[in-house]
Amino acid sequence: MTRARIGSWILGVVVLAFLVSQSTLAIGPAFVVLHGGALQRPIVLRPAIGSLMFMWAGGNWYEHQAEGTLPPGLEGRRYLDYDVFWGRFEPEELKPEAASQHGRLYLPATDQAAAVVLTSPNMDGGPGATRAEARPVPRELKGFVSGRALTPSETAALVGAGVPMN
């Protein structure tokens, strides 16, 4: 190969690697941080692409709508707060007020499955942004727009990720 051809090949590989790394940022959040409740320290998750999607998408038709439905019977149940971070963040920047989406993970009760409620997703910060625009943290249940009960396999996935579900 000539020197020019090698240079072109290397440039092509670098550009391809850049494009692939950029597109994977849009497929899932960079971090999900659980905190509050009985947790002594926050739990920081870096979900693999396609895993734990119920924590930010809910897996329902209403995930991108401003208003959906919340599961009944959540008032008074124990829960963990969580925040979803879309874009590039350093670990020290993972504060609830910097997240663009928020949720609550309601822990399973004797007669009720675990459940999630969440705010509508905001995955974009606009042209040239490296992260999605932060949104306020809801303080009351009515501040969340959608949610649902989790399946046993979704609950098991959280346990596998190190989230105490008891």
N, C-alpha and C. Protein backbone atom coordinates (compact mmCIF):
# COMPACT_ATOMS: atom_id res chain seq x y z
N MET A 1 0.84 -1.19 0.00
CA MET A 1 0.00 0.00 0.00
C MET A 1 0.88 1.25 0.00
N THR A 2 0.39 2.26 -0.65
CA THR A 2 1.13 3.52 -0.63
C THR A 2 0.86 4.26 0.66
N ARG A 3 1.73 5.18 0.93
CA ARG A 3 1.60 5.98 2.15
C ARG A 3 0.25 6.73 2.18
N ALA A 4 -0.18 7.27 1.05
CA ALA A 4 -1.46 8.00 0.99
C ALA A 4 -2.63 7.05 1.25
N ARG A 5 -2.54 5.86 0.73
CA ARG A 5 -3.62 4.89 0.93
C ARG A 5 -3.70 4.46 2.39
N ILE A 6 -2.57 4.24 3.03
CA ILE A 6 -2.55 3.89 4.45
C ILE A 6 -3.14 5.02 5.29
N GLY A 7 -2.75 6.25 4.97
CA GLY A 7 -3.29 7.40 5.69
C GLY A 7 -4.80 7.51 5.54
N SER A 8 -5.29 7.28 4.31
CA SER A 8 -6.74 7.33 4.08
C SER A 8 -7.45 6.23 4.86
N TRP A 9 -6.84 5.04 4.89
CA TRP A 9 -7.44 3.92 5.62
C TRP A 9 -7.52 4.24 7.10
N ILE A 10 -6.46 4.76 7.68
CA ILE A 10 -6.44 5.11 9.11
C ILE A 10 -7.48 6.18 9.40
N LEU A 11 -7.56 7.20 8.56
CA LEU A 11 -8.55 8.26 8.74
C LEU A 11 -9.97 7.67 8.70
N GLY A 12 -10.21 6.76 7.75
CA GLY A 12 -11.52 6.13 7.67
C GLY A 12 -11.88 5.35 8.92
N VAL A 13 -10.92 4.62 9.48
CA VAL A 13 -11.16 3.86 10.71
C VAL A 13 -11.46 4.80 11.87
N VAL A 14 -10.72 5.90 11.97
CA VAL A 14 -10.94 6.87 13.06
C VAL A 14 -12.32 7.49 12.94
N VAL A 15 -12.71 7.90 11.74
CA VAL A 15 -14.03 8.50 11.54
C VAL A 15 -15.13 7.49 11.85
N LEU A 16 -14.97 6.26 11.40
CA LEU A 16 -15.96 5.22 11.70
C LEU A 16 -16.08 4.99 13.20
N ALA A 17 -14.96 4.91 13.89
CA ALA A 17 -14.99 4.72 15.35
C ALA A 17 -15.70 5.88 16.04
N PHE A 18 -15.46 7.09 15.58
CA PHE A 18 -16.13 8.26 16.16
C PHE A 18 -17.63 8.19 15.94
N LEU A 19 -18.04 7.87 14.71
CA LEU A 19 -19.48 7.79 14.43
C LEU A 19 -20.16 6.70 15.23
N VAL A 20 -19.54 5.56 15.37
CA VAL A 20 -20.12 4.47 16.15
C VAL A 20 -20.22 4.86 17.61
N SER A 21 -19.21 5.50 18.16
CA SER A 21 -19.26 5.88 19.57
C SER A 21 -20.32 6.94 19.81
N GLN A 22 -20.53 7.84 18.88
CA GLN A 22 -21.56 8.87 19.02
C GLN A 22 -22.95 8.26 18.98
N SER A 23 -23.17 7.32 18.08
CA SER A 23 -24.52 6.75 17.96
C SER A 23 -24.88 5.90 19.16
N THR A 24 -23.91 5.26 19.80
CA THR A 24 -24.25 4.45 20.96
C THR A 24 -24.66 5.30 22.15
N LEU A 25 -24.23 6.56 22.19
CA LEU A 25 -24.66 7.43 23.28
C LEU A 25 -26.16 7.68 23.22
N ALA A 26 -26.73 7.67 22.03
CA ALA A 26 -28.15 7.96 21.89
C ALA A 26 -29.02 6.74 22.14
N ILE A 27 -28.44 5.55 22.20
CA ILE A 27 -29.22 4.33 22.34
C ILE A 27 -29.66 4.12 23.79
N GLY A 28 -28.88 4.54 24.73
CA GLY A 28 -29.21 4.37 26.13
C GLY A 28 -28.54 5.44 26.96
N PRO A 29 -28.96 5.59 28.19
CA PRO A 29 -28.36 6.62 29.03
C PRO A 29 -26.94 6.23 29.44
N ALA A 30 -26.17 7.26 29.79
CA ALA A 30 -24.81 7.03 30.26
C ALA A 30 -24.82 6.42 31.66
N PHE A 31 -25.72 6.90 32.51
CA PHE A 31 -25.79 6.44 33.90
C PHE A 31 -27.24 6.44 34.37
N VAL A 32 -27.53 5.54 35.31
CA VAL A 32 -28.75 5.58 36.11
C VAL A 32 -28.26 5.52 37.55
N VAL A 33 -28.68 6.48 38.36
CA VAL A 33 -28.22 6.54 39.76
C VAL A 33 -29.43 6.39 40.67
N LEU A 34 -29.40 5.35 41.50
CA LEU A 34 -30.45 5.13 42.50
C LEU A 34 -29.97 5.68 43.83
N HIS A 35 -30.89 6.28 44.57
CA HIS A 35 -30.52 6.88 45.85
C HIS A 35 -31.75 7.01 46.74
N GLY A 36 -31.51 7.35 47.98
CA GLY A 36 -32.62 7.56 48.91
C GLY A 36 -33.09 6.26 49.54
N GLY A 37 -34.25 6.33 50.16
CA GLY A 37 -34.79 5.15 50.83
C GLY A 37 -33.82 4.64 51.87
N ALA A 38 -33.64 3.34 51.92
CA ALA A 38 -32.75 2.73 52.91
C ALA A 38 -31.31 2.59 52.41
N LEU A 39 -31.01 3.14 51.24
CA LEU A 39 -29.65 3.03 50.72
C LEU A 39 -28.68 3.89 51.53
N GLN A 40 -27.56 3.32 51.89
CA GLN A 40 -26.53 4.08 52.61
C GLN A 40 -25.76 4.98 51.65
N ARG A 41 -25.55 4.49 50.40
CA ARG A 41 -24.84 5.23 49.37
C ARG A 41 -25.60 5.06 48.06
N PRO A 42 -25.47 6.02 47.17
CA PRO A 42 -26.10 5.85 45.86
C PRO A 42 -25.53 4.65 45.12
N ILE A 43 -26.35 4.05 44.27
CA ILE A 43 -25.92 2.96 43.39
C ILE A 43 -25.85 3.53 41.98
N VAL A 44 -24.68 3.48 41.39
CA VAL A 44 -24.47 4.01 40.05
C VAL A 44 -24.43 2.84 39.06
N LEU A 45 -25.36 2.87 38.10
CA LEU A 45 -25.43 1.84 37.08
C LEU A 45 -25.01 2.43 35.73
N ARG A 46 -24.28 1.66 34.96
CA ARG A 46 -23.98 2.00 33.56
C ARG A 46 -24.63 0.91 32.72
N PRO A 47 -25.92 1.08 32.40
CA PRO A 47 -26.64 0.00 31.74
C PRO A 47 -26.06 -0.33 30.36
N ALA A 48 -25.93 -1.62 30.10
CA ALA A 48 -25.55 -2.06 28.77
C ALA A 48 -26.68 -1.72 27.81
N ILE A 49 -26.33 -1.52 26.55
CA ILE A 49 -27.34 -1.19 25.54
C ILE A 49 -28.42 -2.26 25.54
N GLY A 50 -29.66 -1.81 25.65
CA GLY A 50 -30.79 -2.72 25.62
C GLY A 50 -31.18 -3.31 26.97
N SER A 51 -30.43 -2.99 28.02
CA SER A 51 -30.77 -3.53 29.34
C SER A 51 -31.41 -2.45 30.21
N LEU A 52 -32.22 -2.86 31.12
CA LEU A 52 -32.89 -1.98 32.09
C LEU A 52 -33.69 -0.86 31.42
N MET A 53 -34.16 -1.07 30.21
CA MET A 53 -34.88 -0.02 29.49
C MET A 53 -36.15 0.44 30.21
N PHE A 54 -36.73 -0.44 31.01
CA PHE A 54 -37.94 -0.08 31.74
C PHE A 54 -37.70 1.08 32.70
N MET A 55 -36.44 1.35 33.03
CA MET A 55 -36.15 2.43 33.97
C MET A 55 -36.24 3.81 33.33
N TRP A 56 -36.14 3.90 32.01
CA TRP A 56 -36.28 5.20 31.36
C TRP A 56 -37.36 5.23 30.30
N ALA A 57 -37.69 4.10 29.73
CA ALA A 57 -38.72 4.09 28.69
C ALA A 57 -40.03 3.54 29.21
N GLY A 58 -39.98 2.78 30.25
CA GLY A 58 -41.20 2.20 30.79
C GLY A 58 -41.72 1.05 29.94
N GLY A 59 -41.31 0.98 28.68
CA GLY A 59 -41.76 -0.09 27.81
C GLY A 59 -43.21 0.01 27.40
N ASN A 60 -43.77 1.18 27.49
CA ASN A 60 -45.18 1.37 27.20
C ASN A 60 -45.36 2.37 26.07
N TRP A 61 -46.53 2.38 25.48
CA TRP A 61 -46.84 3.29 24.38
C TRP A 61 -46.72 4.75 24.79
N TYR A 62 -46.84 5.06 26.06
CA TYR A 62 -46.88 6.45 26.49
C TYR A 62 -45.51 7.01 26.86
N GLU A 63 -44.46 6.28 26.60
CA GLU A 63 -43.16 6.71 27.10
C GLU A 63 -42.72 8.08 26.59
N HIS A 64 -43.18 8.51 25.43
CA HIS A 64 -42.77 9.83 24.92
C HIS A 64 -43.89 10.85 25.01
N GLN A 65 -44.94 10.54 25.71
CA GLN A 65 -46.03 11.48 25.88
C GLN A 65 -45.87 12.23 27.19
N ALA A 66 -46.49 13.35 27.27
CA ALA A 66 -46.37 14.17 28.47
C ALA A 66 -47.24 13.65 29.61
N GLU A 67 -48.24 12.86 29.28
CA GLU A 67 -49.15 12.40 30.33
C GLU A 67 -49.57 10.96 30.08
N GLY A 68 -49.39 10.11 31.06
CA GLY A 68 -49.79 8.72 30.96
C GLY A 68 -50.55 8.34 32.21
N THR A 69 -50.42 7.09 32.62
CA THR A 69 -51.08 6.64 33.83
C THR A 69 -50.05 6.10 34.80
N LEU A 70 -50.37 6.18 36.07
CA LEU A 70 -49.53 5.65 37.13
C LEU A 70 -50.20 4.42 37.71
N PRO A 71 -49.42 3.43 38.11
CA PRO A 71 -50.03 2.25 38.73
C PRO A 71 -50.75 2.63 40.02
N PRO A 72 -51.84 1.96 40.34
CA PRO A 72 -52.55 2.26 41.59
C PRO A 72 -51.80 1.70 42.79
N GLY A 73 -52.12 2.22 43.97
CA GLY A 73 -51.63 1.67 45.22
C GLY A 73 -50.18 2.00 45.56
N LEU A 74 -49.65 3.08 45.05
CA LEU A 74 -48.25 3.42 45.34
C LEU A 74 -48.08 4.29 46.59
N GLU A 75 -49.10 5.03 46.93
CA GLU A 75 -49.01 5.92 48.10
C GLU A 75 -48.64 5.11 49.34
N GLY A 76 -47.63 5.55 50.07
CA GLY A 76 -47.22 4.90 51.31
C GLY A 76 -46.26 3.74 51.12
N ARG A 77 -45.99 3.33 49.90
CA ARG A 77 -45.04 2.24 49.66
C ARG A 77 -43.61 2.74 49.70
N ARG A 78 -42.69 1.84 50.06
CA ARG A 78 -41.27 2.19 50.08
C ARG A 78 -40.73 2.28 48.65
N TYR A 79 -39.84 3.24 48.43
CA TYR A 79 -39.27 3.39 47.09
C TYR A 79 -37.85 3.95 47.17
N LEU A 80 -37.15 3.80 46.06
CA LEU A 80 -35.85 4.42 45.85
C LEU A 80 -36.02 5.44 44.73
N ASP A 81 -35.43 6.60 44.90
CA ASP A 81 -35.41 7.58 43.81
C ASP A 81 -34.34 7.17 42.82
N TYR A 82 -34.52 7.53 41.57
CA TYR A 82 -33.43 7.35 40.61
C TYR A 82 -33.45 8.45 39.57
N ASP A 83 -32.27 8.66 38.99
CA ASP A 83 -32.08 9.71 38.00
C ASP A 83 -31.40 9.10 36.78
N VAL A 84 -31.82 9.56 35.60
CA VAL A 84 -31.30 9.04 34.34
C VAL A 84 -30.50 10.16 33.68
N PHE A 85 -29.27 9.85 33.33
CA PHE A 85 -28.35 10.83 32.75
C PHE A 85 -28.06 10.48 31.30
N TRP A 86 -28.51 11.34 30.39
CA TRP A 86 -28.30 11.16 28.96
C TRP A 86 -27.18 12.09 28.51
N GLY A 87 -26.13 11.53 27.93
CA GLY A 87 -25.02 12.33 27.43
C GLY A 87 -23.74 12.03 28.16
N ARG A 88 -22.83 12.96 28.11
CA ARG A 88 -21.50 12.76 28.71
C ARG A 88 -21.45 13.43 30.08
N PHE A 89 -21.09 12.63 31.07
CA PHE A 89 -20.98 13.11 32.45
C PHE A 89 -19.74 12.51 33.07
N GLU A 90 -19.13 13.27 33.94
CA GLU A 90 -18.07 12.75 34.81
C GLU A 90 -18.76 12.24 36.07
N PRO A 91 -18.20 11.23 36.73
CA PRO A 91 -18.86 10.69 37.93
C PRO A 91 -19.21 11.74 38.99
N GLU A 92 -18.37 12.74 39.17
CA GLU A 92 -18.66 13.76 40.19
C GLU A 92 -19.83 14.68 39.79
N GLU A 93 -20.28 14.61 38.55
CA GLU A 93 -21.39 15.44 38.09
C GLU A 93 -22.75 14.75 38.26
N LEU A 94 -22.77 13.53 38.75
CA LEU A 94 -24.00 12.75 38.83
C LEU A 94 -24.83 13.16 40.06
N LYS A 95 -25.43 14.30 39.97
CA LYS A 95 -26.31 14.84 41.00
C LYS A 95 -27.74 14.85 40.46
N PRO A 96 -28.74 14.60 41.31
CA PRO A 96 -30.12 14.56 40.81
C PRO A 96 -30.52 15.79 39.99
N GLU A 97 -30.09 16.95 40.39
CA GLU A 97 -30.48 18.17 39.67
C GLU A 97 -29.84 18.29 38.29
N ALA A 98 -28.86 17.46 37.96
CA ALA A 98 -28.22 17.48 36.64
C ALA A 98 -28.87 16.49 35.67
N ALA A 99 -29.75 15.63 36.17
CA ALA A 99 -30.36 14.60 35.32
C ALA A 99 -31.49 15.17 34.49
N SER A 100 -31.71 14.55 33.35
CA SER A 100 -32.79 15.01 32.46
C SER A 100 -34.05 14.16 32.59
N GLN A 101 -33.97 13.08 33.36
CA GLN A 101 -35.14 12.24 33.60
C GLN A 101 -35.05 11.67 35.01
N HIS A 102 -36.20 11.52 35.63
CA HIS A 102 -36.23 11.05 37.02
C HIS A 102 -37.27 9.96 37.17
N GLY A 103 -37.06 9.12 38.17
CA GLY A 103 -38.02 8.06 38.43
C GLY A 103 -38.00 7.64 39.88
N ARG A 104 -38.94 6.78 40.18
CA ARG A 104 -38.98 6.11 41.48
C ARG A 104 -39.13 4.62 41.23
N LEU A 105 -38.38 3.85 41.97
CA LEU A 105 -38.49 2.40 41.94
C LEU A 105 -39.20 1.99 43.22
N TYR A 106 -40.44 1.58 43.08
CA TYR A 106 -41.21 1.12 44.24
C TYR A 106 -40.84 -0.33 44.50
N LEU A 107 -40.42 -0.61 45.71
CA LEU A 107 -39.97 -1.95 46.07
C LEU A 107 -41.16 -2.90 46.18
N PRO A 108 -40.93 -4.18 45.92
CA PRO A 108 -42.05 -5.11 46.00
C PRO A 108 -42.61 -5.19 47.42
N ALA A 109 -43.89 -5.36 47.51
CA ALA A 109 -44.57 -5.55 48.80
C ALA A 109 -45.11 -6.98 48.81
N THR A 110 -45.62 -7.41 49.93
CA THR A 110 -46.12 -8.77 50.06
C THR A 110 -47.07 -9.16 48.94
N ASP A 111 -47.96 -8.28 48.59
CA ASP A 111 -48.97 -8.61 47.58
C ASP A 111 -48.86 -7.75 46.32
N GLN A 112 -47.74 -7.03 46.15
CA GLN A 112 -47.58 -6.14 45.00
C GLN A 112 -46.18 -6.29 44.40
N ALA A 113 -46.13 -6.30 43.07
CA ALA A 113 -44.85 -6.36 42.37
C ALA A 113 -44.12 -5.04 42.49
N ALA A 114 -42.83 -5.06 42.26
CA ALA A 114 -42.07 -3.81 42.16
C ALA A 114 -42.67 -2.99 41.01
N ALA A 115 -42.50 -1.68 41.08
CA ALA A 115 -43.06 -0.81 40.04
C ALA A 115 -42.13 0.37 39.83
N VAL A 116 -42.24 0.98 38.66
CA VAL A 116 -41.51 2.22 38.38
C VAL A 116 -42.51 3.29 37.96
N VAL A 117 -42.18 4.52 38.31
CA VAL A 117 -42.85 5.69 37.76
C VAL A 117 -41.74 6.60 37.26
N LEU A 118 -42.01 7.35 36.19
CA LEU A 118 -40.97 8.16 35.62
C LEU A 118 -41.51 9.42 34.97
N THR A 119 -40.60 10.37 34.81
CA THR A 119 -40.92 11.57 34.07
C THR A 119 -40.74 11.27 32.59
N SER A 120 -41.25 12.13 31.74
CA SER A 120 -41.05 11.90 30.32
C SER A 120 -39.57 12.03 29.99
N PRO A 121 -39.08 11.24 29.03
CA PRO A 121 -37.65 11.28 28.73
C PRO A 121 -37.25 12.54 27.98
N ASN A 122 -36.10 13.03 28.32
CA ASN A 122 -35.47 14.12 27.60
C ASN A 122 -34.06 13.64 27.28
N MET A 123 -33.85 13.23 26.04
CA MET A 123 -32.58 12.60 25.67
C MET A 123 -31.69 13.50 24.84
N ASP A 124 -32.09 14.74 24.64
CA ASP A 124 -31.36 15.62 23.74
C ASP A 124 -31.18 17.00 24.36
N GLY A 125 -30.01 17.56 24.16
CA GLY A 125 -29.74 18.90 24.66
C GLY A 125 -29.71 19.94 23.56
N GLY A 126 -30.02 19.53 22.34
CA GLY A 126 -30.01 20.46 21.23
C GLY A 126 -28.72 20.36 20.43
N PRO A 127 -28.64 21.11 19.35
CA PRO A 127 -27.47 21.05 18.47
C PRO A 127 -26.17 21.38 19.22
N GLY A 128 -25.20 20.51 19.07
CA GLY A 128 -23.89 20.73 19.67
C GLY A 128 -23.78 20.39 21.14
N ALA A 129 -24.88 20.04 21.80
CA ALA A 129 -24.84 19.73 23.23
C ALA A 129 -24.21 18.36 23.46
N THR A 130 -23.56 18.20 24.59
CA THR A 130 -22.97 16.90 24.94
C THR A 130 -23.81 16.14 25.94
N ARG A 131 -24.91 16.74 26.35
CA ARG A 131 -25.82 16.07 27.28
C ARG A 131 -27.21 16.66 27.16
N ALA A 132 -28.18 15.91 27.64
CA ALA A 132 -29.56 16.38 27.62
C ALA A 132 -29.76 17.45 28.68
N GLU A 133 -30.69 18.33 28.42
CA GLU A 133 -31.00 19.41 29.35
C GLU A 133 -31.61 18.86 30.64
N ALA A 134 -31.13 19.34 31.77
CA ALA A 134 -31.62 18.89 33.08
C ALA A 134 -33.07 19.30 33.28
N ARG A 135 -33.79 18.47 34.02
CA ARG A 135 -35.18 18.75 34.38
C ARG A 135 -35.32 18.70 35.89
N PRO A 136 -36.29 19.41 36.43
CA PRO A 136 -36.49 19.39 37.88
C PRO A 136 -36.89 18.01 38.41
N VAL A 137 -36.51 17.74 39.63
CA VAL A 137 -36.84 16.48 40.29
C VAL A 137 -38.24 16.60 40.88
N PRO A 138 -39.17 15.72 40.50
CA PRO A 138 -40.50 15.77 41.11
C PRO A 138 -40.43 15.44 42.60
N ARG A 139 -41.16 16.15 43.39
CA ARG A 139 -41.18 15.91 44.83
C ARG A 139 -42.39 15.12 45.27
N GLU A 140 -43.39 15.05 44.41
CA GLU A 140 -44.61 14.32 44.73
C GLU A 140 -44.91 13.31 43.62
N LEU A 141 -45.67 12.30 43.94
CA LEU A 141 -46.03 11.27 42.98
C LEU A 141 -46.70 11.86 41.74
N LYS A 142 -47.50 12.89 41.92
CA LYS A 142 -48.20 13.48 40.78
C LYS A 142 -47.26 14.17 39.80
N GLY A 143 -45.98 14.33 40.15
CA GLY A 143 -45.00 14.92 39.24
C GLY A 143 -44.47 13.95 38.20
N PHE A 144 -44.84 12.67 38.31
CA PHE A 144 -44.41 11.66 37.34
C PHE A 144 -45.54 11.45 36.34
N VAL A 145 -45.18 11.09 35.11
CA VAL A 145 -46.21 11.03 34.07
C VAL A 145 -46.60 9.62 33.66
N SER A 146 -45.79 8.62 33.99
CA SER A 146 -46.15 7.27 33.59
C SER A 146 -45.47 6.26 34.50
N GLY A 147 -45.90 5.02 34.39
CA GLY A 147 -45.29 3.98 35.18
C GLY A 147 -46.01 2.66 35.00
N ARG A 148 -45.45 1.64 35.59
CA ARG A 148 -46.06 0.31 35.51
C ARG A 148 -45.40 -0.63 36.49
N ALA A 149 -46.06 -1.77 36.72
CA ALA A 149 -45.48 -2.82 37.55
C ALA A 149 -44.38 -3.51 36.76
N LEU A 150 -43.36 -3.98 37.45
CA LEU A 150 -42.26 -4.69 36.80
C LEU A 150 -42.55 -6.18 36.74
N THR A 151 -42.01 -6.82 35.72
CA THR A 151 -42.13 -8.27 35.61
C THR A 151 -41.11 -8.92 36.53
N PRO A 152 -41.27 -10.19 36.84
CA PRO A 152 -40.26 -10.87 37.66
C PRO A 152 -38.86 -10.83 37.03
N SER A 153 -38.77 -10.91 35.71
CA SER A 153 -37.44 -10.87 35.07
C SER A 153 -36.82 -9.47 35.18
N GLU A 154 -37.63 -8.44 35.13
CA GLU A 154 -37.10 -7.08 35.30
C GLU A 154 -36.62 -6.87 36.74
N THR A 155 -37.37 -7.38 37.70
CA THR A 155 -36.94 -7.30 39.10
C THR A 155 -35.64 -8.07 39.29
N ALA A 156 -35.54 -9.24 38.69
CA ALA A 156 -34.31 -10.04 38.78
C ALA A 156 -33.13 -9.31 38.15
N ALA A 157 -33.36 -8.59 37.07
CA ALA A 157 -32.28 -7.83 36.43
C ALA A 157 -31.76 -6.75 37.36
N LEU A 158 -32.64 -6.11 38.11
CA LEU A 158 -32.21 -5.10 39.08
C LEU A 158 -31.40 -5.73 40.20
N VAL A 159 -31.85 -6.88 40.69
CA VAL A 159 -31.09 -7.61 41.73
C VAL A 159 -29.72 -7.96 41.19
N GLY A 160 -29.65 -8.45 39.96
CA GLY A 160 -28.38 -8.79 39.33
C GLY A 160 -27.46 -7.60 39.18
N ALA A 161 -28.03 -6.41 39.05
CA ALA A 161 -27.24 -5.18 38.92
C ALA A 161 -26.83 -4.62 40.28
N GLY A 162 -27.23 -5.29 41.36
CA GLY A 162 -26.83 -4.87 42.70
C GLY A 162 -27.82 -3.99 43.44
N VAL A 163 -29.05 -3.92 42.95
CA VAL A 163 -30.08 -3.10 43.59
C VAL A 163 -30.81 -3.96 44.63
N PRO A 164 -30.79 -3.56 45.92
CA PRO A 164 -31.52 -4.34 46.93
C PRO A 164 -33.03 -4.16 46.75
N MET A 165 -33.72 -5.24 46.50
CA MET A 165 -35.16 -5.18 46.24
C MET A 165 -35.99 -5.65 47.43
N ASN A 166 -35.46 -5.53 48.63
CA ASN A 166 -36.24 -5.93 49.80
C ASN A 166 -36.35 -4.81 50.80
